[in-house]
Amino acid sequence: MKQLYLDLGMGAAGDMLTAALLELCPHKDGIIKKLNSLNIPGVHYEREIMKKSAICGTHMHVIVNGSEEECGHEHEEGHHEHSHHHHISMSDIGEIVSKLNTSEKIKKQILDVYNIIADAESRVHGEPVSQIHFHEVGTLDALADVCGCALLMYLITPEKVFASPLHVGSGFVKCAHGILPVPAPATAELLKGIPFYTGSIKGELLTPTGAAILRHYVEGFEEMPVMTLEHIGYGMGQKDFETANCVRT
C-alpha cells in the first residue's frame, strides 16, 4: 500500500505542503510547467532549492501579478467589510476554478478544500458563506497553494494519507482584522477534532490554508508509525526559526 505520512512538527502552510509533495515526484520541472499551465489568473509558480539547518529541500514561490506576498500573507482572513482593496467571493473562486486547465476531478478537490476554508470563515465572522469575501492577492496566492496540492496529490495517488499531530506555534499573529491569538480564529475552527499543540516557538506555524488542505486530505493524525521509506521530501517555509522550518513527507 502506498502511504503518505506528513511530519508536521513545524506546522504547515500551503506553499510548504506543495513543496513537500513536489519533492516526492520525478520530473519536477515538468510538474512546475503543469502548475503554470493551470492558468490561474495572474499566478506564476517558481521552484527554489533552499537549505535550512543544513537540510536541502524545495521552497515554492507563488508570484501574483508580478509580485510575491510577504510572510504571513495567508492570514488575510475572509471578511465582509469594504475597503480600497479588491476582494473576491466564493462565487468568484468557483468561476476561476471552472476555467482552470485541468480535470474535473482535480477541480472538485480544489473546490472541496476552498469550501472548507469558506465554511470556517463563515463561522468565525457570523456571516453566510455567500457574504464572505477575501483579499484578492492573498486569495489567489492561497488558491495557487490549494491547486498545487490538488494536482500533486492526484499525481502521487497515495492510498492513505496520515500525519503527525499539528504544531501550531504560539503568541499572536497580525492579520486583516488586527492582532489575533495563535491559532488564528479560522485556523482554530479548522482544528476541531484534530490533535494539536502549541510548543515554545513564538509565531504562527499553521495557516488557515494549510489547515484546510490537511483537513481535507488527511485520514488520521498520529505519531510516526513503523514504516519502510521509499521517498522523502522537505518543503521549506519562508520564515527561519531555531528548528528547521519545513514539512517532511
C-alpha atoms as a PDB file:
ATOM      1  CA  MET A   1       0.000   0.000   0.000  1.00  0.00           C
ATOM      2  CA  LYS A   2       1.319   3.427  -0.976  1.00  0.00           C
ATOM      3  CA  GLN A   3       1.014   5.590   2.141  1.00  0.00           C
ATOM      4  CA  LEU A   4       1.877   9.253   2.557  1.00  0.00           C
ATOM      5  CA  TYR A   5       2.950  10.478   6.006  1.00  0.00           C
ATOM      6  CA  LEU A   6       3.262  14.198   6.741  1.00  0.00           C
ATOM      7  CA  ASP A   7       5.608  15.178   9.564  1.00  0.00           C
ATOM      8  CA  LEU A   8       4.131  18.465  10.821  1.00  0.00           C
ATOM      9  CA  GLY A   9       6.470  19.233  13.701  1.00  0.00           C
ATOM     10  CA  MET A  10       6.789  22.787  12.368  1.00  0.00           C
ATOM     11  CA  GLY A  11       3.182  23.174  11.305  1.00  0.00           C
ATOM     12  CA  ALA A  12       2.233  23.740   7.685  1.00  0.00           C
ATOM     13  CA  ALA A  13       1.404  26.440   5.170  1.00  0.00           C
ATOM     14  CA  GLY A  14       0.035  25.817   1.703  1.00  0.00           C
ATOM     15  CA  ASP A  15       3.339  26.562  -0.025  1.00  0.00           C
ATOM     16  CA  MET A  16       5.218  24.212   2.319  1.00  0.00           C
ATOM     17  CA  LEU A  17       2.803  21.365   1.601  1.00  0.00           C
ATOM     18  CA  THR A  18       3.027  21.965  -2.148  1.00  0.00           C
ATOM     19  CA  ALA A  19       6.831  21.962  -1.968  1.00  0.00           C
ATOM     20  CA  ALA A  20       6.993  18.812   0.180  1.00  0.00           C
ATOM     21  CA  LEU A  21       4.717  16.933  -2.228  1.00  0.00           C
ATOM     22  CA  LEU A  22       6.712  18.146  -5.222  1.00  0.00           C
ATOM     23  CA  GLU A  23       9.867  16.738  -3.617  1.00  0.00           C
ATOM     24  CA  LEU A  24       8.389  13.248  -3.870  1.00  0.00           C
ATOM     25  CA  CYS A  25       7.936  13.478  -7.638  1.00  0.00           C
ATOM     26  CA  PRO A  26      10.340  12.837 -10.502  1.00  0.00           C
ATOM     27  CA  HIS A  27      10.497  15.344 -13.359  1.00  0.00           C
ATOM     28  CA  LYS A  28       9.940  18.327 -11.059  1.00  0.00           C
ATOM     29  CA  ASP A  29      10.490  20.887 -13.813  1.00  0.00           C
ATOM     30  CA  GLY A  30       7.746  19.235 -15.838  1.00  0.00           C
ATOM     31  CA  ILE A  31       5.363  19.474 -12.901  1.00  0.00           C
ATOM     32  CA  ILE A  32       6.152  23.174 -12.485  1.00  0.00           C
ATOM     33  CA  LYS A  33       5.159  23.570 -16.136  1.00  0.00           C
ATOM     34  CA  LYS A  34       1.920  21.718 -15.403  1.00  0.00           C
ATOM     35  CA  LEU A  35       1.233  24.056 -12.489  1.00  0.00           C
ATOM     36  CA  ASN A  36       1.834  27.111 -14.624  1.00  0.00           C
ATOM     37  CA  SER A  37      -0.386  25.696 -17.346  1.00  0.00           C
ATOM     38  CA  LEU A  38      -3.345  25.643 -14.930  1.00  0.00           C
ATOM     39  CA  ASN A  39      -3.845  29.283 -15.959  1.00  0.00           C
ATOM     40  CA  ILE A  40      -4.769  30.733 -12.570  1.00  0.00           C
ATOM     41  CA  PRO A  41      -5.214  34.459 -13.411  1.00  0.00           C
ATOM     42  CA  GLY A  42      -2.004  36.389 -12.756  1.00  0.00           C
ATOM     43  CA  VAL A  43      -0.317  33.465 -10.963  1.00  0.00           C
ATOM     44  CA  HIS A  44       3.131  32.030 -11.718  1.00  0.00           C
ATOM     45  CA  TYR A  45       4.880  29.224  -9.793  1.00  0.00           C
ATOM     46  CA  GLU A  46       8.647  29.100  -9.275  1.00  0.00           C
ATOM     47  CA  ARG A  47      10.680  26.417  -7.520  1.00  0.00           C
ATOM     48  CA  GLU A  48      13.743  27.268  -5.409  1.00  0.00           C
ATOM     49  CA  ILE A  49      16.211  24.816  -3.886  1.00  0.00           C
ATOM     50  CA  MET A  50      16.559  26.018  -0.299  1.00  0.00           C
ATOM     51  CA  LYS A  51      18.671  24.897   2.661  1.00  0.00           C
ATOM     52  CA  LYS A  52      17.584  25.250   6.298  1.00  0.00           C
ATOM     53  CA  SER A  53      19.624  23.878   9.215  1.00  0.00           C
ATOM     54  CA  ALA A  54      21.856  22.145   6.639  1.00  0.00           C
ATOM     55  CA  ILE A  55      18.829  20.295   5.178  1.00  0.00           C
ATOM     56  CA  CYS A  56      18.216  20.753   1.470  1.00  0.00           C
ATOM     57  CA  GLY A  57      14.636  20.962   0.227  1.00  0.00           C
ATOM     58  CA  THR A  58      12.231  22.851  -2.012  1.00  0.00           C
ATOM     59  CA  HIS A  59      10.622  26.227  -1.468  1.00  0.00           C
ATOM     60  CA  MET A  60       7.688  27.211  -3.681  1.00  0.00           C
ATOM     61  CA  HIS A  61       7.308  30.824  -4.780  1.00  0.00           C
ATOM     62  CA  VAL A  62       3.874  31.953  -5.922  1.00  0.00           C
ATOM     63  CA  ILE A  63       4.064  35.183  -7.917  1.00  0.00           C
ATOM     64  CA  VAL A  64       0.757  37.062  -8.240  1.00  0.00           C
ATOM     65  CA  ASN A  65       0.621  39.806 -10.864  1.00  0.00           C
ATOM     66  CA  GLY A  66       4.403  40.070 -10.845  1.00  0.00           C
ATOM     67  CA  SER A  67       4.991  40.232  -7.069  1.00  0.00           C
ATOM     68  CA  GLU A  68       5.187  37.837  -4.143  1.00  0.00           C
ATOM     69  CA  GLU A  69       3.300  38.351  -0.903  1.00  0.00           C
ATOM     70  CA  GLU A  70       5.244  38.868   2.318  1.00  0.00           C
ATOM     71  CA  CYS A  71       5.477  36.210   5.021  1.00  0.00           C
ATOM     72  CA  GLY A  72       2.125  35.760   6.674  1.00  0.00           C
ATOM     73  CA  HIS A  73       0.085  36.565   3.574  1.00  0.00           C
ATOM     74  CA  GLU A  74      -2.210  33.626   4.236  1.00  0.00           C
ATOM     75  CA  HIS A  75      -3.550  35.339   7.338  1.00  0.00           C
ATOM     76  CA  GLU A  76      -5.686  37.772   5.329  1.00  0.00           C
ATOM     77  CA  GLU A  77      -8.795  36.097   6.704  1.00  0.00           C
ATOM     78  CA  GLY A  78     -12.062  36.305   4.804  1.00  0.00           C
ATOM     79  CA  HIS A  79     -14.453  39.109   5.754  1.00  0.00           C
ATOM     80  CA  HIS A  80     -17.428  41.087   4.583  1.00  0.00           C
ATOM     81  CA  GLU A  81     -16.121  44.612   5.083  1.00  0.00           C
ATOM     82  CA  HIS A  82     -15.491  47.029   2.209  1.00  0.00           C
ATOM     83  CA  SER A  83     -12.141  48.762   1.727  1.00  0.00           C
ATOM     84  CA  HIS A  84      -9.945  50.134  -1.023  1.00  0.00           C
ATOM     85  CA  HIS A  85      -8.644  46.622  -1.745  1.00  0.00           C
ATOM     86  CA  HIS A  86     -10.310  44.444  -4.370  1.00  0.00           C
ATOM     87  CA  HIS A  87     -11.989  41.428  -2.814  1.00  0.00           C
ATOM     88  CA  ILE A  88     -13.324  38.231  -4.347  1.00  0.00           C
ATOM     89  CA  SER A  89     -16.112  35.933  -3.178  1.00  0.00           C
ATOM     90  CA  MET A  90     -16.624  32.181  -3.163  1.00  0.00           C
ATOM     91  CA  SER A  91     -18.643  32.503  -6.366  1.00  0.00           C
ATOM     92  CA  ASP A  92     -15.602  34.234  -7.920  1.00  0.00           C
ATOM     93  CA  ILE A  93     -13.438  31.319  -6.739  1.00  0.00           C
ATOM     94  CA  GLY A  94     -15.854  28.887  -8.373  1.00  0.00           C
ATOM     95  CA  GLU A  95     -15.669  30.830 -11.628  1.00  0.00           C
ATOM     96  CA  ILE A  96     -11.869  30.805 -11.602  1.00  0.00           C
ATOM     97  CA  VAL A  97     -11.708  27.083 -10.838  1.00  0.00           C
ATOM     98  CA  SER A  98     -14.234  26.242 -13.575  1.00  0.00           C
ATOM     99  CA  LYS A  99     -11.860  27.737 -16.157  1.00  0.00           C
ATOM    100  CA  LEU A 100      -8.684  26.011 -14.967  1.00  0.00           C
ATOM    101  CA  ASN A 101      -6.815  23.857 -17.447  1.00  0.00           C
ATOM    102  CA  THR A 102      -7.164  20.606 -15.515  1.00  0.00           C
ATOM    103  CA  SER A 103      -9.509  17.659 -14.991  1.00  0.00           C
ATOM    104  CA  GLU A 104     -12.934  17.891 -13.386  1.00  0.00           C
ATOM    105  CA  LYS A 105     -11.702  15.568 -10.624  1.00  0.00           C
ATOM    106  CA  ILE A 106      -8.928  17.992  -9.637  1.00  0.00           C
ATOM    107  CA  LYS A 107     -11.307  20.959  -9.888  1.00  0.00           C
ATOM    108  CA  LYS A 108     -13.638  19.226  -7.431  1.00  0.00           C
ATOM    109  CA  GLN A 109     -10.774  18.647  -4.985  1.00  0.00           C
ATOM    110  CA  ILE A 110      -9.817  22.333  -5.187  1.00  0.00           C
ATOM    111  CA  LEU A 111     -13.390  23.475  -4.541  1.00  0.00           C
ATOM    112  CA  ASP A 112     -13.807  20.989  -1.699  1.00  0.00           C
ATOM    113  CA  VAL A 113     -10.791  22.492   0.099  1.00  0.00           C
ATOM    114  CA  TYR A 114     -11.878  26.063  -0.551  1.00  0.00           C
ATOM    115  CA  ASN A 115     -15.381  25.304   0.716  1.00  0.00           C
ATOM    116  CA  ILE A 116     -13.765  24.097   3.945  1.00  0.00           C
ATOM    117  CA  ILE A 117     -11.957  27.449   4.234  1.00  0.00           C
ATOM    118  CA  ALA A 118     -15.089  29.463   3.457  1.00  0.00           C
ATOM    119  CA  ASP A 119     -17.165  27.485   5.957  1.00  0.00           C
ATOM    120  CA  ALA A 120     -14.621  28.165   8.716  1.00  0.00           C
ATOM    121  CA  GLU A 121     -14.542  31.880   7.860  1.00  0.00           C
ATOM    122  CA  SER A 122     -18.347  31.927   7.869  1.00  0.00           C
ATOM    123  CA  ARG A 123     -18.490  30.528  11.402  1.00  0.00           C
ATOM    124  CA  VAL A 124     -15.813  32.920  12.658  1.00  0.00           C
ATOM    125  CA  HIS A 125     -17.438  36.053  11.242  1.00  0.00           C
ATOM    126  CA  GLY A 126     -21.057  35.054  11.750  1.00  0.00           C
ATOM    127  CA  GLU A 127     -21.878  35.609   8.084  1.00  0.00           C
ATOM    128  CA  PRO A 128     -23.236  33.221   5.437  1.00  0.00           C
ATOM    129  CA  VAL A 129     -20.676  31.806   3.023  1.00  0.00           C
ATOM    130  CA  SER A 130     -22.170  33.922   0.238  1.00  0.00           C
ATOM    131  CA  GLN A 131     -21.168  37.070   2.155  1.00  0.00           C
ATOM    132  CA  ILE A 132     -17.562  36.017   2.817  1.00  0.00           C
ATOM    133  CA  HIS A 133     -15.010  37.918   0.741  1.00  0.00           C
ATOM    134  CA  PHE A 134     -11.248  37.509   0.513  1.00  0.00           C
ATOM    135  CA  HIS A 135      -8.444  39.948  -0.235  1.00  0.00           C
ATOM    136  CA  GLU A 136      -7.720  39.326  -3.919  1.00  0.00           C
ATOM    137  CA  VAL A 137      -3.925  38.885  -3.959  1.00  0.00           C
ATOM    138  CA  GLY A 138      -3.806  36.824  -0.758  1.00  0.00           C
ATOM    139  CA  THR A 139      -6.660  34.641  -2.001  1.00  0.00           C
ATOM    140  CA  LEU A 140      -5.070  33.991  -5.404  1.00  0.00           C
ATOM    141  CA  ASP A 141      -1.865  33.049  -3.620  1.00  0.00           C
ATOM    142  CA  ALA A 142      -3.736  30.678  -1.300  1.00  0.00           C
ATOM    143  CA  LEU A 143      -5.762  29.318  -4.225  1.00  0.00           C
ATOM    144  CA  ALA A 144      -2.492  28.580  -6.015  1.00  0.00           C
ATOM    145  CA  ASP A 145      -1.387  26.527  -2.984  1.00  0.00           C
ATOM    146  CA  VAL A 146      -4.659  24.591  -2.930  1.00  0.00           C
ATOM    147  CA  CYS A 147      -4.394  23.952  -6.689  1.00  0.00           C
ATOM    148  CA  GLY A 148      -0.781  22.837  -6.327  1.00  0.00           C
ATOM    149  CA  CYS A 149      -1.612  20.322  -3.596  1.00  0.00           C
ATOM    150  CA  ALA A 150      -4.633  19.010  -5.502  1.00  0.00           C
ATOM    151  CA  LEU A 151      -2.602  18.409  -8.653  1.00  0.00           C
ATOM    152  CA  LEU A 152       0.274  16.797  -6.766  1.00  0.00           C
ATOM    153  CA  MET A 153      -1.990  14.550  -4.704  1.00  0.00           C
ATOM    154  CA  TYR A 154      -3.564  13.425  -7.971  1.00  0.00           C
ATOM    155  CA  LEU A 155      -0.129  12.652  -9.453  1.00  0.00           C
ATOM    156  CA  ILE A 156       1.180  10.879  -6.339  1.00  0.00           C
ATOM    157  CA  THR A 157      -2.096   8.955  -5.771  1.00  0.00           C
ATOM    158  CA  PRO A 158      -1.466   7.776  -2.192  1.00  0.00           C
ATOM    159  CA  GLU A 159      -3.846   5.090  -0.948  1.00  0.00           C
ATOM    160  CA  LYS A 160      -3.738   6.562   2.546  1.00  0.00           C
ATOM    161  CA  VAL A 161      -2.663   9.964   3.871  1.00  0.00           C
ATOM    162  CA  PHE A 162      -1.919  10.450   7.538  1.00  0.00           C
ATOM    163  CA  ALA A 163       0.071  12.950   9.574  1.00  0.00           C
ATOM    164  CA  SER A 164       1.592  13.802  12.913  1.00  0.00           C
ATOM    165  CA  PRO A 165      -0.268  15.932  15.467  1.00  0.00           C
ATOM    166  CA  LEU A 166      -0.051  19.588  14.438  1.00  0.00           C
ATOM    167  CA  HIS A 167       2.389  22.087  15.908  1.00  0.00           C
ATOM    168  CA  VAL A 168       0.565  25.421  15.584  1.00  0.00           C
ATOM    169  CA  GLY A 169       3.042  27.811  17.245  1.00  0.00           C
ATOM    170  CA  SER A 170       2.157  30.317  19.959  1.00  0.00           C
ATOM    171  CA  GLY A 171       1.755  34.014  20.643  1.00  0.00           C
ATOM    172  CA  PHE A 172      -0.062  36.325  18.244  1.00  0.00           C
ATOM    173  CA  VAL A 173      -0.410  36.942  14.504  1.00  0.00           C
ATOM    174  CA  LYS A 174      -1.249  40.118  12.601  1.00  0.00           C
ATOM    175  CA  CYS A 175      -3.998  39.760  10.001  1.00  0.00           C
ATOM    176  CA  ALA A 176      -6.649  41.839   8.243  1.00  0.00           C
ATOM    177  CA  HIS A 177      -8.709  42.179  11.423  1.00  0.00           C
ATOM    178  CA  GLY A 178      -5.881  43.145  13.771  1.00  0.00           C
ATOM    179  CA  ILE A 179      -3.651  41.178  16.121  1.00  0.00           C
ATOM    180  CA  LEU A 180      -5.129  37.779  16.963  1.00  0.00           C
ATOM    181  CA  PRO A 181      -4.017  34.854  19.136  1.00  0.00           C
ATOM    182  CA  VAL A 182      -2.390  31.768  17.630  1.00  0.00           C
ATOM    183  CA  PRO A 183      -4.027  29.691  16.312  1.00  0.00           C
ATOM    184  CA  ALA A 184      -5.936  32.375  14.413  1.00  0.00           C
ATOM    185  CA  PRO A 185      -9.743  32.072  14.644  1.00  0.00           C
ATOM    186  CA  ALA A 186     -10.277  30.444  11.235  1.00  0.00           C
ATOM    187  CA  THR A 187      -7.407  28.037  11.884  1.00  0.00           C
ATOM    188  CA  ALA A 188      -8.875  27.152  15.282  1.00  0.00           C
ATOM    189  CA  GLU A 189     -12.185  26.308  13.595  1.00  0.00           C
ATOM    190  CA  LEU A 190     -10.376  24.056  11.153  1.00  0.00           C
ATOM    191  CA  LEU A 191      -8.592  22.276  14.011  1.00  0.00           C
ATOM    192  CA  LYS A 192     -11.769  20.970  15.631  1.00  0.00           C
ATOM    193  CA  GLY A 193     -11.327  17.250  16.240  1.00  0.00           C
ATOM    194  CA  ILE A 194      -7.637  17.307  15.201  1.00  0.00           C
ATOM    195  CA  PRO A 195      -4.820  16.814  17.778  1.00  0.00           C
ATOM    196  CA  PHE A 196      -2.510  19.848  18.007  1.00  0.00           C
ATOM    197  CA  TYR A 197      -0.130  21.561  20.410  1.00  0.00           C
ATOM    198  CA  THR A 198       1.437  24.998  20.837  1.00  0.00           C
ATOM    199  CA  GLY A 199       5.074  24.425  21.886  1.00  0.00           C
ATOM    200  CA  SER A 200       7.600  27.123  22.692  1.00  0.00           C
ATOM    201  CA  ILE A 201       8.062  28.738  19.254  1.00  0.00           C
ATOM    202  CA  LYS A 202       6.573  32.230  19.067  1.00  0.00           C
ATOM    203  CA  GLY A 203       4.729  32.810  15.822  1.00  0.00           C
ATOM    204  CA  GLU A 204       2.093  31.186  13.631  1.00  0.00           C
ATOM    205  CA  LEU A 205       3.227  27.845  12.220  1.00  0.00           C
ATOM    206  CA  LEU A 206      -0.104  26.627  10.856  1.00  0.00           C
ATOM    207  CA  THR A 207      -2.016  28.827   8.392  1.00  0.00           C
ATOM    208  CA  PRO A 208      -5.726  28.547   7.542  1.00  0.00           C
ATOM    209  CA  THR A 209      -4.908  27.328   4.037  1.00  0.00           C
ATOM    210  CA  GLY A 210      -2.540  24.683   5.373  1.00  0.00           C
ATOM    211  CA  ALA A 211      -5.112  23.567   7.947  1.00  0.00           C
ATOM    212  CA  ALA A 212      -7.866  23.276   5.313  1.00  0.00           C
ATOM    213  CA  ILE A 213      -5.686  21.223   2.960  1.00  0.00           C
ATOM    214  CA  LEU A 214      -4.764  18.875   5.800  1.00  0.00           C
ATOM    215  CA  ARG A 215      -8.355  18.588   6.997  1.00  0.00           C
ATOM    216  CA  HIS A 216      -9.436  17.550   3.509  1.00  0.00           C
ATOM    217  CA  TYR A 217      -6.735  15.005   2.681  1.00  0.00           C
ATOM    218  CA  VAL A 218      -5.513  13.516   5.983  1.00  0.00           C
ATOM    219  CA  GLU A 219      -7.336  10.431   7.257  1.00  0.00           C
ATOM    220  CA  GLY A 220      -5.717  10.348  10.693  1.00  0.00           C
ATOM    221  CA  PHE A 221      -3.277  12.282  12.874  1.00  0.00           C
ATOM    222  CA  GLU A 222      -0.887  10.078  14.856  1.00  0.00           C
ATOM    223  CA  GLU A 223       2.729   9.739  15.889  1.00  0.00           C
ATOM    224  CA  MET A 224       5.082   8.366  13.241  1.00  0.00           C
ATOM    225  CA  PRO A 225       4.400   4.642  12.877  1.00  0.00           C
ATOM    226  CA  VAL A 226       6.743   1.846  11.910  1.00  0.00           C
ATOM    227  CA  MET A 227       7.357   2.283   8.193  1.00  0.00           C
ATOM    228  CA  THR A 228       9.673   1.455   5.326  1.00  0.00           C
ATOM    229  CA  LEU A 229      10.662   4.620   3.468  1.00  0.00           C
ATOM    230  CA  GLU A 230      10.785   4.892  -0.299  1.00  0.00           C
ATOM    231  CA  HIS A 231      10.909   8.669  -0.797  1.00  0.00           C
ATOM    232  CA  ILE A 232      11.497  11.668   1.488  1.00  0.00           C
ATOM    233  CA  GLY A 233      10.689  15.290   0.746  1.00  0.00           C
ATOM    234  CA  TYR A 234      11.262  18.590   2.538  1.00  0.00           C
ATOM    235  CA  GLY A 235       9.006  21.571   1.869  1.00  0.00           C
ATOM    236  CA  MET A 236      10.630  24.724   3.212  1.00  0.00           C
ATOM    237  CA  GLY A 237       8.790  27.689   4.723  1.00  0.00           C
ATOM    238  CA  GLN A 238       9.776  31.332   4.340  1.00  0.00           C
ATOM    239  CA  LYS A 239      10.475  32.069   7.999  1.00  0.00           C
ATOM    240  CA  ASP A 240      13.540  30.974   9.952  1.00  0.00           C
ATOM    241  CA  PHE A 241      13.436  29.510  13.467  1.00  0.00           C
ATOM    242  CA  GLU A 242      15.928  27.596  15.625  1.00  0.00           C
ATOM    243  CA  THR A 243      14.247  24.435  14.358  1.00  0.00           C
ATOM    244  CA  ALA A 244      14.282  23.780  10.614  1.00  0.00           C
ATOM    245  CA  ASN A 245      11.050  25.283   9.266  1.00  0.00           C
ATOM    246  CA  CYS A 246       9.800  22.546   6.961  1.00  0.00           C
ATOM    247  CA  VAL A 247       7.153  19.951   6.262  1.00  0.00           C
ATOM    248  CA  ARG A 248       8.651  16.495   5.810  1.00  0.00           C
ATOM    249  CA  THR A 249       6.919  13.894   3.659  1.00  0.00           C
END
